[in-house]
Amino acid sequence: MTTALAAAERAGAPILAAALHAQIPADWPPEFHEADELERMERLLRDPQNDGWALYYLIRRAPARALVGVAGHSGRPTADRVVEIGYSVVRSHRRLGLATEAVTGLPERAGRQELR
């Protein structure tokens, strides 16, 4: 997620779909990814130290490119290198292993992410 993509999401599904080059399912947004969470992510993204430590849009590539959820961090790690992760997948794409795949990759990516 970037501030530009967050703004696209706020503008509505057609704008977000165009920005991501992905279909937006009818059940978007997923649970726990509501307006207040989007606003919190926008605030987080305004701090350059949080670059890479926010949410990622989860896009399923096949059978058609579709936005299926979000996963990511709630900000950069604490001083003792603890970071919170979370995820949410739209109901129509659950139980396909997508959240497991996304959440499995987050700690690995966090380990490679440069702390600022």
Protein backbone atom coordinates (compact mmCIF):
# COMPACT_ATOMS: atom_id res chain seq x y z
CA MET A 1 0.00 0.00 0.00
CA THR A 2 1.13 3.50 -0.78
CA THR A 3 -0.53 6.82 -0.03
CA ALA A 4 -1.59 6.95 -3.70
CA LEU A 5 -3.18 3.49 -3.52
CA ALA A 6 -4.90 4.35 -0.23
CA ALA A 7 -6.33 7.45 -1.93
CA ALA A 8 -7.46 5.29 -4.86
CA GLU A 9 -9.18 2.93 -2.44
CA ARG A 10 -10.88 5.83 -0.72
CA ALA A 11 -12.10 7.06 -4.14
CA GLY A 12 -13.94 3.79 -4.74
CA ALA A 13 -13.64 0.32 -6.21
CA PRO A 14 -13.40 1.37 -9.89
CA ILE A 15 -10.47 3.70 -9.14
CA LEU A 16 -8.70 1.09 -7.01
CA ALA A 17 -9.30 -1.57 -9.68
CA ALA A 18 -7.68 0.65 -12.30
CA ALA A 19 -4.74 1.47 -10.02
CA LEU A 20 -4.08 -2.20 -9.21
CA HIS A 21 -5.02 -3.57 -12.65
CA ALA A 22 -7.21 -6.07 -10.82
CA GLN A 23 -10.86 -6.91 -10.46
CA ILE A 24 -12.46 -5.90 -7.17
CA PRO A 25 -14.84 -8.57 -5.82
CA ALA A 26 -18.35 -7.58 -4.78
CA ASP A 27 -17.53 -8.40 -1.14
CA TRP A 28 -14.65 -5.89 -0.94
CA PRO A 29 -13.49 -4.67 1.56
CA PRO A 30 -12.70 -7.63 3.79
CA GLU A 31 -13.57 -7.65 7.46
CA PHE A 32 -11.34 -5.47 9.64
CA HIS A 33 -10.27 -3.34 6.65
CA GLU A 34 -12.70 -0.50 7.17
CA ALA A 35 -12.45 3.26 6.74
CA ASP A 36 -10.77 3.80 10.13
CA GLU A 37 -8.09 1.19 9.31
CA LEU A 38 -7.47 2.81 5.93
CA GLU A 39 -7.13 6.18 7.65
CA ARG A 40 -4.66 4.69 10.17
CA MET A 41 -2.58 3.24 7.32
CA GLU A 42 -2.55 6.61 5.53
CA ARG A 43 -1.20 8.27 8.69
CA LEU A 44 1.40 5.52 9.06
CA LEU A 45 2.52 5.89 5.44
CA ARG A 46 3.14 9.62 5.84
CA ASP A 47 6.20 8.76 7.96
CA PRO A 48 9.03 7.64 5.61
CA GLN A 49 10.42 5.40 8.38
CA ASN A 50 7.36 3.19 7.92
CA ASP A 51 8.11 2.55 4.25
CA GLY A 52 7.55 -1.18 3.78
CA TRP A 53 5.95 -1.58 7.20
CA ALA A 54 2.28 -1.10 6.30
CA LEU A 55 -0.32 -3.21 4.52
CA TYR A 56 0.05 -4.98 1.21
CA TYR A 57 -2.82 -5.65 -1.13
CA LEU A 58 -3.26 -9.35 -1.80
CA ILE A 59 -3.89 -10.00 -5.47
CA ARG A 60 -4.77 -13.42 -6.78
CA ARG A 61 -3.26 -13.87 -10.23
CA ALA A 62 -5.46 -16.68 -11.59
CA PRO A 63 -7.95 -17.45 -12.90
CA ALA A 64 -8.27 -13.67 -13.25
CA ARG A 65 -6.27 -10.98 -11.51
CA ALA A 66 -8.38 -10.03 -8.47
CA LEU A 67 -7.90 -8.13 -5.22
CA VAL A 68 -8.65 -10.64 -2.46
CA GLY A 69 -7.47 -9.01 0.76
CA VAL A 70 -4.77 -7.24 2.70
CA ALA A 71 -1.89 -8.39 4.88
CA GLY A 72 0.99 -6.61 6.47
CA HIS A 73 2.44 -4.81 9.43
CA SER A 74 1.05 -2.22 11.80
CA GLY A 75 4.21 -0.13 11.51
CA ARG A 76 7.95 -0.58 11.85
CA PRO A 77 9.35 -2.89 14.55
CA THR A 78 9.84 -1.80 18.12
CA ALA A 79 13.35 -1.25 19.50
CA ASP A 80 13.53 -4.95 20.40
CA ARG A 81 12.55 -5.90 16.79
CA VAL A 82 8.96 -6.93 17.49
CA VAL A 83 6.45 -6.23 14.75
CA GLU A 84 2.73 -6.86 14.63
CA ILE A 85 1.23 -8.51 11.56
CA GLY A 86 -2.35 -8.95 10.45
CA TYR A 87 -4.44 -9.96 7.49
CA SER A 88 -7.97 -10.09 6.15
CA VAL A 89 -9.33 -11.86 3.08
CA VAL A 90 -12.70 -11.28 1.43
CA ARG A 91 -15.20 -14.01 2.20
CA SER A 92 -15.43 -15.13 -1.45
CA HIS A 93 -11.72 -16.06 -1.50
CA ARG A 94 -11.28 -17.69 1.90
CA ARG A 95 -10.12 -21.25 2.55
CA LEU A 96 -7.83 -21.25 -0.48
CA GLY A 97 -4.56 -20.84 1.43
CA LEU A 98 -4.14 -17.20 0.40
CA ALA A 99 -3.87 -15.81 3.94
CA THR A 100 -1.47 -18.59 4.93
CA GLU A 101 0.73 -17.80 1.94
CA ALA A 102 0.71 -14.07 2.69
CA VAL A 103 1.32 -14.38 6.43
CA THR A 104 4.09 -16.93 5.91
CA GLY A 105 5.99 -14.45 3.75
CA LEU A 106 5.66 -11.46 6.10
CA PRO A 107 8.25 -12.51 8.74
CA GLU A 108 10.70 -13.47 6.00
CA ARG A 109 10.26 -10.10 4.31
CA ALA A 110 10.48 -8.30 7.65
CA GLY A 111 13.83 -9.99 8.31
CA ARG A 112 15.18 -8.58 5.05
CA GLN A 113 13.64 -5.12 5.49
CA GLU A 114 16.06 -2.39 6.41
CA LEU A 115 15.32 -0.60 9.67
CA ARG A 116 15.55 3.18 9.46
